[in-house]
């Protein structure tokens, strides 16, 4: 996956002005790519998603780690998503913003490699985690009487996810490099006496065909195939829930049946939340993937490159990175536990254990093979007597 220096590779091909000096053709590019109004729009837009990303995902991590009742299999995967999103906010959003404002690459070779590697790792980890969540929900709904995923197995799965993410992004990290573009300089306000060498951060593949193959492999393995699996599994879950749904009879007063209806409603709500997270991930990253494939497989002229790198790529990057900031909002809207945790955090209160009492979704998985494992006693209120049904 291309790092934030992708635009630099295209911009160096556009000539702003040329002078003949000592029989050399020198190309001068403006230091700042955009006018002040356009740059202000980019800065405000990127700072907005950066703030939401850092605040929201930090709160998600705090809520899950602080409250023992929130440490469920699904919440551990959500925690991993939040960590991936935090890495995007820390390493990718600032460097991409600066790269979109300034011609060339202003950072070191190490930051070039790190930014591209972390972006690719975070995307890979996110999509693999979404697959893991879908598999866990699939097992719970389609095969409710099989043993559930334990917390230890969930942690091992997360470790495997990060190992796979690092492996699949290693070629990109190796090829990413900063090079000085010969005979190209950046200037302030067309003042050629204040010229600076132009550097670019990009994947220096031996030939364009290798780059095309790698981009295509990434697109297939960390976008197309995982999202097909997610859609198939959630489709099966939707069919199962639809067939098992129905109004609860007034005469069904037994605790088992009443609790089953309550659990079913909460299952549907959680499934809706997880489907929305996967859907927004797919839609947010699709434009950027489309642009990367388009630039790899299409021969573009200078004007097209200028349009893509100046306006379309920054917008696509913003949309992709915005996905890292919307997930906490979704959790707070759909899940009462996260909503109460956010409220407590904003009130500067320590989240108490009572956060975990309001949703079946936050109950600990006991690992039993039965679909129901009622943890209540006879005197507990009904809201606390919901069965532990893999949520």
Protein backbone atom coordinates (compact mmCIF):
# COMPACT_ATOMS: atom_id res chain seq x y z
CA UNK A 1 0.00 0.00 0.00
CA UNK A 2 1.25 3.42 -0.87
CA UNK A 3 2.18 5.75 1.95
CA UNK A 4 1.29 9.42 2.16
CA UNK A 5 4.14 10.24 -0.22
CA UNK A 6 2.24 8.76 -3.16
CA UNK A 7 1.33 12.21 -4.45
CA UNK A 8 4.98 13.28 -4.58
CA UNK A 9 5.79 10.68 -7.18
CA UNK A 10 3.19 12.16 -9.50
CA UNK A 11 3.88 15.81 -8.78
CA UNK A 12 7.50 15.64 -9.85
CA UNK A 13 6.36 15.06 -13.42
CA UNK A 14 4.55 18.41 -13.64
CA UNK A 15 6.74 21.33 -14.70
CA UNK A 16 5.92 24.73 -13.29
CA UNK A 17 8.79 26.66 -14.83
CA UNK A 18 12.06 25.71 -16.43
CA UNK A 19 15.32 27.62 -16.82
CA UNK A 20 18.46 26.72 -18.73
CA UNK A 21 21.49 27.04 -16.52
CA UNK A 22 24.85 25.50 -17.31
CA UNK A 23 23.17 23.42 -20.02
CA UNK A 24 20.82 21.84 -17.47
CA UNK A 25 17.03 22.01 -17.52
CA UNK A 26 15.96 22.99 -13.98
CA UNK A 27 12.37 22.63 -12.84
CA UNK A 28 11.05 24.90 -10.10
CA UNK A 29 7.94 23.97 -8.13
CA UNK A 30 6.09 26.11 -5.58
CA UNK A 31 6.79 25.16 -1.97
CA UNK A 32 3.10 25.25 -1.09
CA UNK A 33 0.75 23.36 -3.37
CA UNK A 34 -2.47 25.26 -2.71
CA UNK A 35 -3.82 28.70 -2.07
CA UNK A 36 -4.50 29.74 1.51
CA UNK A 37 -8.29 29.02 1.40
CA UNK A 38 -7.77 25.52 0.01
CA UNK A 39 -4.98 24.81 2.49
CA UNK A 40 -7.21 26.03 5.34
CA UNK A 41 -9.97 23.64 4.27
CA UNK A 42 -7.51 20.73 4.25
CA UNK A 43 -6.08 21.67 7.65
CA UNK A 44 -9.48 22.06 9.32
CA UNK A 45 -10.81 18.84 7.77
CA UNK A 46 -7.80 16.75 8.77
CA UNK A 47 -7.61 18.25 12.27
CA UNK A 48 -11.30 17.47 12.75
CA UNK A 49 -10.94 13.75 12.03
CA UNK A 50 -7.63 13.65 13.95
CA UNK A 51 -9.32 15.04 17.07
CA UNK A 52 -12.30 12.69 16.81
CA UNK A 53 -10.00 9.73 16.17
CA UNK A 54 -7.72 10.39 19.15
CA UNK A 55 -10.46 11.27 21.65
CA UNK A 56 -13.01 8.63 20.61
CA UNK A 57 -10.66 5.68 20.28
CA UNK A 58 -8.76 6.57 23.45
CA UNK A 59 -12.08 6.48 25.33
CA UNK A 60 -12.95 3.12 23.77
CA UNK A 61 -9.62 1.70 24.98
CA UNK A 62 -10.12 3.21 28.44
CA UNK A 63 -13.66 1.86 28.81
CA UNK A 64 -12.76 -1.68 27.76
CA UNK A 65 -9.57 -1.86 29.83
CA UNK A 66 -10.95 -0.13 32.93
CA UNK A 67 -14.11 -2.21 33.36
CA UNK A 68 -13.75 -5.95 33.84
CA UNK A 69 -17.32 -6.58 32.65
CA UNK A 70 -16.42 -5.03 29.27
CA UNK A 71 -13.64 -7.52 28.62
CA UNK A 72 -15.55 -9.84 26.32
CA UNK A 73 -14.42 -11.49 23.12
CA UNK A 74 -16.23 -8.99 20.90
CA UNK A 75 -15.02 -6.04 22.96
CA UNK A 76 -11.42 -7.26 22.73
CA UNK A 77 -11.74 -7.19 18.96
CA UNK A 78 -13.30 -3.71 19.19
CA UNK A 79 -10.33 -2.70 21.36
CA UNK A 80 -8.00 -3.94 18.65
CA UNK A 81 -9.91 -1.87 16.07
CA UNK A 82 -9.52 1.18 18.30
CA UNK A 83 -5.77 0.60 18.61
CA UNK A 84 -5.47 0.30 14.82
CA UNK A 85 -7.43 3.53 14.41
CA UNK A 86 -5.19 5.30 16.95
CA UNK A 87 -2.12 4.29 14.95
CA UNK A 88 -3.72 5.76 11.83
CA UNK A 89 -4.39 8.99 13.70
CA UNK A 90 -0.87 9.25 15.13
CA UNK A 91 1.27 8.15 12.19
CA UNK A 92 -0.79 8.72 9.05
CA UNK A 93 -3.10 11.72 9.39
CA UNK A 94 -0.43 14.35 10.26
CA UNK A 95 2.13 13.21 7.69
CA UNK A 96 -0.49 12.90 4.94
CA UNK A 97 -1.79 16.40 5.69
CA UNK A 98 1.69 17.93 5.49
CA UNK A 99 2.43 15.98 2.32
CA UNK A 100 -0.78 17.33 0.78
CA UNK A 101 0.16 20.91 1.63
CA UNK A 102 3.84 20.95 0.75
CA UNK A 103 5.46 19.94 -2.53
CA UNK A 104 7.74 16.98 -2.03
CA UNK A 105 8.45 14.99 1.14
CA UNK A 106 9.61 17.09 4.12
CA UNK A 107 10.35 14.22 6.52
CA UNK A 108 13.10 11.64 6.90
CA UNK A 109 13.43 8.29 5.18
CA UNK A 110 12.49 6.53 8.43
CA UNK A 111 9.22 8.45 8.72
CA UNK A 112 8.52 7.67 5.06
CA UNK A 113 8.82 3.95 5.73
CA UNK A 114 7.06 4.10 9.10
CA UNK A 115 4.10 6.10 7.83
CA UNK A 116 3.46 3.80 4.88
CA UNK A 117 4.02 0.65 6.95
CA UNK A 118 1.74 1.74 9.81
CA UNK A 119 -1.00 2.80 7.42
CA UNK A 120 -0.92 -0.56 5.66
CA UNK A 121 -0.65 -2.50 8.93
CA UNK A 122 -3.56 -0.61 10.47
CA UNK A 123 -5.79 -1.20 7.46
CA UNK A 124 -4.83 -4.88 7.36
CA UNK A 125 -5.37 -5.29 11.10
CA UNK A 126 -8.75 -3.55 10.90
CA UNK A 127 -10.11 -5.69 8.09
CA UNK A 128 -8.76 -8.93 9.60
CA UNK A 129 -10.33 -7.94 12.93
CA UNK A 130 -13.67 -7.31 11.21
CA UNK A 131 -13.41 -10.80 9.75
CA UNK A 132 -12.65 -12.24 13.20
CA UNK A 133 -15.69 -10.47 14.67
CA UNK A 134 -17.89 -11.79 11.85
CA UNK A 135 -16.60 -15.33 12.39
CA UNK A 136 -17.24 -15.09 16.14
CA UNK A 137 -20.80 -13.77 15.59
CA UNK A 138 -21.37 -16.45 12.94
CA UNK A 139 -20.38 -19.23 15.34
CA UNK A 140 -22.56 -17.82 18.11
CA UNK A 141 -25.68 -17.40 15.98
CA UNK A 142 -25.48 -20.26 13.49
CA UNK A 143 -23.97 -22.80 15.92
CA UNK A 144 -25.16 -21.58 19.35
CA UNK A 145 -24.49 -24.86 21.14
CA UNK A 146 -20.83 -25.11 20.18
CA UNK A 147 -18.15 -23.89 22.57
CA UNK A 148 -17.57 -20.17 22.40
CA UNK A 149 -14.30 -18.38 21.71
CA UNK A 150 -12.44 -17.80 24.97
CA UNK A 151 -10.67 -14.59 25.89
CA UNK A 152 -7.30 -16.32 25.60
CA UNK A 153 -8.09 -17.55 22.09
CA UNK A 154 -9.29 -14.05 21.19
CA UNK A 155 -5.96 -12.59 22.34
CA UNK A 156 -4.08 -15.22 20.32
CA UNK A 157 -6.22 -14.35 17.29
CA UNK A 158 -5.35 -10.68 17.69
CA UNK A 159 -1.65 -11.55 17.87
CA UNK A 160 -1.95 -13.57 14.65
CA UNK A 161 -3.79 -10.65 13.02
CA UNK A 162 -0.89 -8.28 13.70
CA UNK A 163 1.71 -10.80 12.55
CA UNK A 164 -0.16 -11.25 9.26
CA UNK A 165 -0.52 -7.47 8.90
CA UNK A 166 3.24 -6.98 9.32
CA UNK A 167 4.10 -9.77 6.90
CA UNK A 168 1.80 -8.57 4.15
CA UNK A 169 3.12 -4.99 4.44
CA UNK A 170 6.84 -5.83 4.62
CA UNK A 171 7.41 -5.47 0.84
CA UNK A 172 5.93 -1.97 0.95
CA UNK A 173 8.17 -0.97 3.86
CA UNK A 174 11.23 -2.29 2.06
CA UNK A 175 10.44 -0.46 -1.19
CA UNK A 176 9.38 2.84 0.38
CA UNK A 177 12.26 5.29 0.22
CA UNK A 178 13.07 8.98 0.02
CA UNK A 179 15.02 10.12 -3.03
CA UNK A 180 16.12 13.53 -4.23
CA UNK A 181 14.62 14.40 -7.60
CA UNK A 182 17.41 15.56 -9.85
CA UNK A 183 17.12 19.09 -11.28
CA UNK A 184 13.86 19.72 -9.37
CA UNK A 185 13.63 22.45 -6.71
CA UNK A 186 11.00 24.01 -4.47
CA UNK A 187 10.76 27.80 -4.26
CA UNK A 188 8.93 30.34 -2.08
CA UNK A 189 6.67 32.77 -3.97
CA UNK A 190 8.45 32.12 -7.28
CA UNK A 191 11.68 33.41 -5.76
CA UNK A 192 14.26 31.15 -7.36
CA UNK A 193 16.97 32.46 -5.07
CA UNK A 194 15.22 30.58 -2.26
CA UNK A 195 15.27 27.15 -3.88
CA UNK A 196 15.31 23.89 -1.95
CA UNK A 197 16.01 20.37 -3.27
CA UNK A 198 12.89 18.34 -3.97
CA UNK A 199 12.56 14.97 -2.22
CA UNK A 200 9.94 12.31 -2.82
CA UNK A 201 8.73 9.39 -0.69
CA UNK A 202 7.42 6.54 -2.81
CA UNK A 203 7.68 2.80 -3.45
CA UNK A 204 10.74 2.39 -5.67
CA UNK A 205 9.86 -0.90 -7.37
CA UNK A 206 12.35 -2.21 -9.99
CA UNK A 207 9.59 -1.95 -12.60
CA UNK A 208 5.98 -0.87 -12.84
CA UNK A 209 4.71 -4.43 -13.33
CA UNK A 210 5.91 -5.50 -9.88
CA UNK A 211 4.14 -2.51 -8.40
CA UNK A 212 0.91 -3.44 -10.19
CA UNK A 213 1.11 -7.02 -8.97
CA UNK A 214 1.71 -5.99 -5.36
CA UNK A 215 -1.12 -3.44 -5.37
CA UNK A 216 -3.47 -6.02 -6.87
CA UNK A 217 -2.47 -8.66 -4.32
CA UNK A 218 -3.06 -6.21 -1.47
CA UNK A 219 -6.44 -5.19 -2.90
CA UNK A 220 -7.50 -8.82 -3.15
CA UNK A 221 -6.23 -9.95 0.25
CA UNK A 222 -7.03 -7.00 2.53
CA UNK A 223 -10.14 -5.65 0.83
CA UNK A 224 -12.04 -7.86 -1.61
CA UNK A 225 -11.69 -11.34 -0.08
CA UNK A 226 -12.21 -10.31 3.58
CA UNK A 227 -15.25 -8.19 2.80
CA UNK A 228 -16.81 -10.98 0.73
CA UNK A 229 -16.38 -13.28 3.74
CA UNK A 230 -17.92 -10.65 6.01
CA UNK A 231 -20.93 -10.16 3.74
CA UNK A 232 -21.52 -13.90 3.40
CA UNK A 233 -21.35 -14.52 7.16
CA UNK A 234 -23.54 -11.57 8.10
CA UNK A 235 -25.94 -12.61 5.35
CA UNK A 236 -26.26 -16.06 6.93
CA UNK A 237 -26.69 -14.44 10.35
CA UNK A 238 -29.42 -12.16 9.02
CA UNK A 239 -31.31 -15.09 7.51
CA UNK A 240 -31.05 -17.04 10.77
CA UNK A 241 -32.27 -14.13 12.88
CA UNK A 242 -35.10 -13.38 10.45
CA UNK A 243 -36.32 -16.97 10.55
CA UNK A 244 -36.12 -17.13 14.33
CA UNK A 245 -37.75 -13.74 14.93
CA UNK A 246 -41.40 -13.17 15.63
CA UNK A 247 -43.72 -11.53 18.16
CA UNK A 248 -43.62 -12.91 21.65
CA UNK A 249 -46.99 -14.37 22.70
CA UNK A 250 -48.67 -12.83 25.72
CA UNK A 251 -49.06 -16.29 27.18
CA UNK A 252 -45.33 -17.04 27.09
CA UNK A 253 -44.50 -16.00 30.60
CA UNK A 254 -41.82 -18.48 31.39
CA UNK A 255 -38.48 -16.88 32.23
CA UNK A 256 -36.64 -18.92 29.61
CA UNK A 257 -38.83 -17.72 26.76
CA UNK A 258 -39.00 -14.09 27.91
CA UNK A 259 -35.25 -13.96 28.27
CA UNK A 260 -34.85 -15.55 24.83
CA UNK A 261 -36.92 -12.75 23.28
CA UNK A 262 -34.92 -10.08 25.10
CA UNK A 263 -31.63 -11.64 24.02
CA UNK A 264 -32.85 -11.85 20.43
CA UNK A 265 -33.59 -8.12 20.37
CA UNK A 266 -30.15 -7.32 21.72
CA UNK A 267 -28.49 -9.71 19.31
CA UNK A 268 -30.14 -7.92 16.40
CA UNK A 269 -28.99 -4.55 17.71
CA UNK A 270 -25.38 -5.66 18.11
CA UNK A 271 -25.37 -7.33 14.70
CA UNK A 272 -26.66 -4.09 13.16
CA UNK A 273 -23.83 -2.21 14.84
CA UNK A 274 -21.16 -4.61 13.60
CA UNK A 275 -22.58 -4.67 10.05
CA UNK A 276 -22.56 -0.85 9.99
CA UNK A 277 -18.91 -0.80 11.12
CA UNK A 278 -17.95 -3.22 8.32
CA UNK A 279 -20.04 -1.36 5.72
CA UNK A 280 -18.55 2.03 6.57
CA UNK A 281 -15.05 0.54 6.44
CA UNK A 282 -15.72 -0.80 2.95
CA UNK A 283 -17.20 2.46 1.66
CA UNK A 284 -14.54 4.67 3.27
CA UNK A 285 -11.59 2.86 1.76
CA UNK A 286 -13.08 2.06 -1.67
CA UNK A 287 -12.25 5.46 -3.29
CA UNK A 288 -8.60 5.32 -2.22
CA UNK A 289 -8.21 1.72 -3.41
CA UNK A 290 -9.83 2.68 -6.71
CA UNK A 291 -7.42 5.58 -7.17
CA UNK A 292 -4.36 3.44 -6.37
CA UNK A 293 -5.41 0.81 -8.90
CA UNK A 294 -6.31 3.50 -11.43
CA UNK A 295 -2.92 5.22 -11.20
CA UNK A 296 -1.06 1.90 -11.40
CA UNK A 297 -2.88 0.64 -14.47
CA UNK A 298 -3.47 3.91 -16.35
CA UNK A 299 -1.00 6.20 -18.11
CA UNK A 300 -1.81 9.75 -17.06
CA UNK A 301 -0.69 13.10 -18.46
CA UNK A 302 0.60 15.98 -16.35
CA UNK A 303 -2.76 17.73 -16.01
CA UNK A 304 -4.47 14.54 -14.84
CA UNK A 305 -1.69 13.88 -12.34
CA UNK A 306 -1.98 17.43 -11.04
CA UNK A 307 -5.74 17.05 -10.55
CA UNK A 308 -5.41 13.67 -8.85
CA UNK A 309 -2.57 14.58 -6.51
CA UNK A 310 -3.78 18.08 -5.72
CA UNK A 311 -7.43 17.43 -4.93
CA UNK A 312 -8.72 13.89 -5.47
CA UNK A 313 -6.07 11.95 -3.51
CA UNK A 314 -6.25 14.27 -0.47
CA UNK A 315 -10.04 13.87 -0.44
CA UNK A 316 -9.79 10.09 -0.75
CA UNK A 317 -7.22 9.94 2.04
CA UNK A 318 -9.47 12.09 4.24
CA UNK A 319 -12.44 9.79 3.62
CA UNK A 320 -10.36 6.68 4.37
CA UNK A 321 -8.90 8.17 7.57
CA UNK A 322 -12.32 9.42 8.68
CA UNK A 323 -13.32 5.80 9.14
CA UNK A 324 -10.94 5.70 12.11
CA UNK A 325 -12.96 8.43 13.82
CA UNK A 326 -16.54 7.24 13.25
CA UNK A 327 -16.38 3.84 14.94
CA UNK A 328 -16.54 5.22 18.53
CA UNK A 329 -19.60 7.24 17.52
CA UNK A 330 -21.27 4.06 16.27
CA UNK A 331 -20.43 2.20 19.49
CA UNK A 332 -21.88 5.01 21.58
CA UNK A 333 -25.07 5.15 19.52
CA UNK A 334 -25.81 1.43 19.43
CA UNK A 335 -24.40 0.20 22.73
CA UNK A 336 -25.50 1.48 26.12
CA UNK A 337 -22.28 0.39 27.80
CA UNK A 338 -20.05 2.54 25.61
CA UNK A 339 -22.56 5.39 25.78
CA UNK A 340 -22.46 5.38 29.58
CA UNK A 341 -18.68 5.07 29.51
CA UNK A 342 -18.37 8.10 27.23
CA UNK A 343 -20.72 10.09 29.45
CA UNK A 344 -18.76 9.18 32.56
CA UNK A 345 -15.46 10.09 30.89
CA UNK A 346 -16.74 13.46 29.74
CA UNK A 347 -17.95 14.15 33.28
CA UNK A 348 -14.45 13.28 34.56
CA UNK A 349 -15.82 10.34 36.46
CA UNK A 350 -14.19 6.96 36.80
CA UNK A 351 -16.30 4.38 34.99
CA UNK A 352 -17.82 2.13 37.62
CA UNK A 353 -18.72 -1.49 37.43
CA UNK A 354 -22.37 -0.62 36.88
CA UNK A 355 -21.61 0.11 33.22
CA UNK A 356 -21.62 -3.58 32.52
CA UNK A 357 -25.14 -4.23 33.86
CA UNK A 358 -27.15 -2.71 31.06
CA UNK A 359 -26.51 -4.90 28.01
CA UNK A 360 -26.23 -8.63 27.43
CA UNK A 361 -23.53 -7.61 24.95
CA UNK A 362 -21.13 -6.83 27.79
CA UNK A 363 -21.59 -10.02 29.80
CA UNK A 364 -18.55 -12.24 30.06
CA UNK A 365 -18.38 -15.36 27.97
CA UNK A 366 -18.27 -18.35 30.23
CA UNK A 367 -17.17 -20.84 27.62
CA UNK A 368 -20.07 -23.17 28.23
CA UNK A 369 -21.41 -25.20 25.34
CA UNK A 370 -25.00 -24.35 26.12
CA UNK A 371 -26.69 -21.44 24.39
CA UNK A 372 -27.90 -20.21 27.80
CA UNK A 373 -26.01 -19.81 31.03
CA UNK A 374 -28.21 -17.76 33.39
CA UNK A 375 -26.02 -15.92 35.92
CA UNK A 376 -28.87 -14.52 38.01
CA UNK A 377 -30.36 -15.36 41.35
CA UNK A 378 -34.03 -15.23 42.25
CA UNK A 379 -33.92 -11.72 43.73
CA UNK A 380 -32.11 -10.00 40.85
CA UNK A 381 -34.10 -7.50 38.77
CA UNK A 382 -35.17 -8.55 35.30
CA UNK A 383 -32.61 -6.32 33.52
CA UNK A 384 -29.85 -8.26 35.30
CA UNK A 385 -31.39 -11.69 34.72
CA UNK A 386 -30.74 -11.87 31.00
CA UNK A 387 -28.91 -15.04 29.97
CA UNK A 388 -25.29 -15.08 28.92
CA UNK A 389 -25.76 -15.72 25.21
CA UNK A 390 -22.32 -15.25 23.69
CA UNK A 391 -22.39 -11.46 23.91
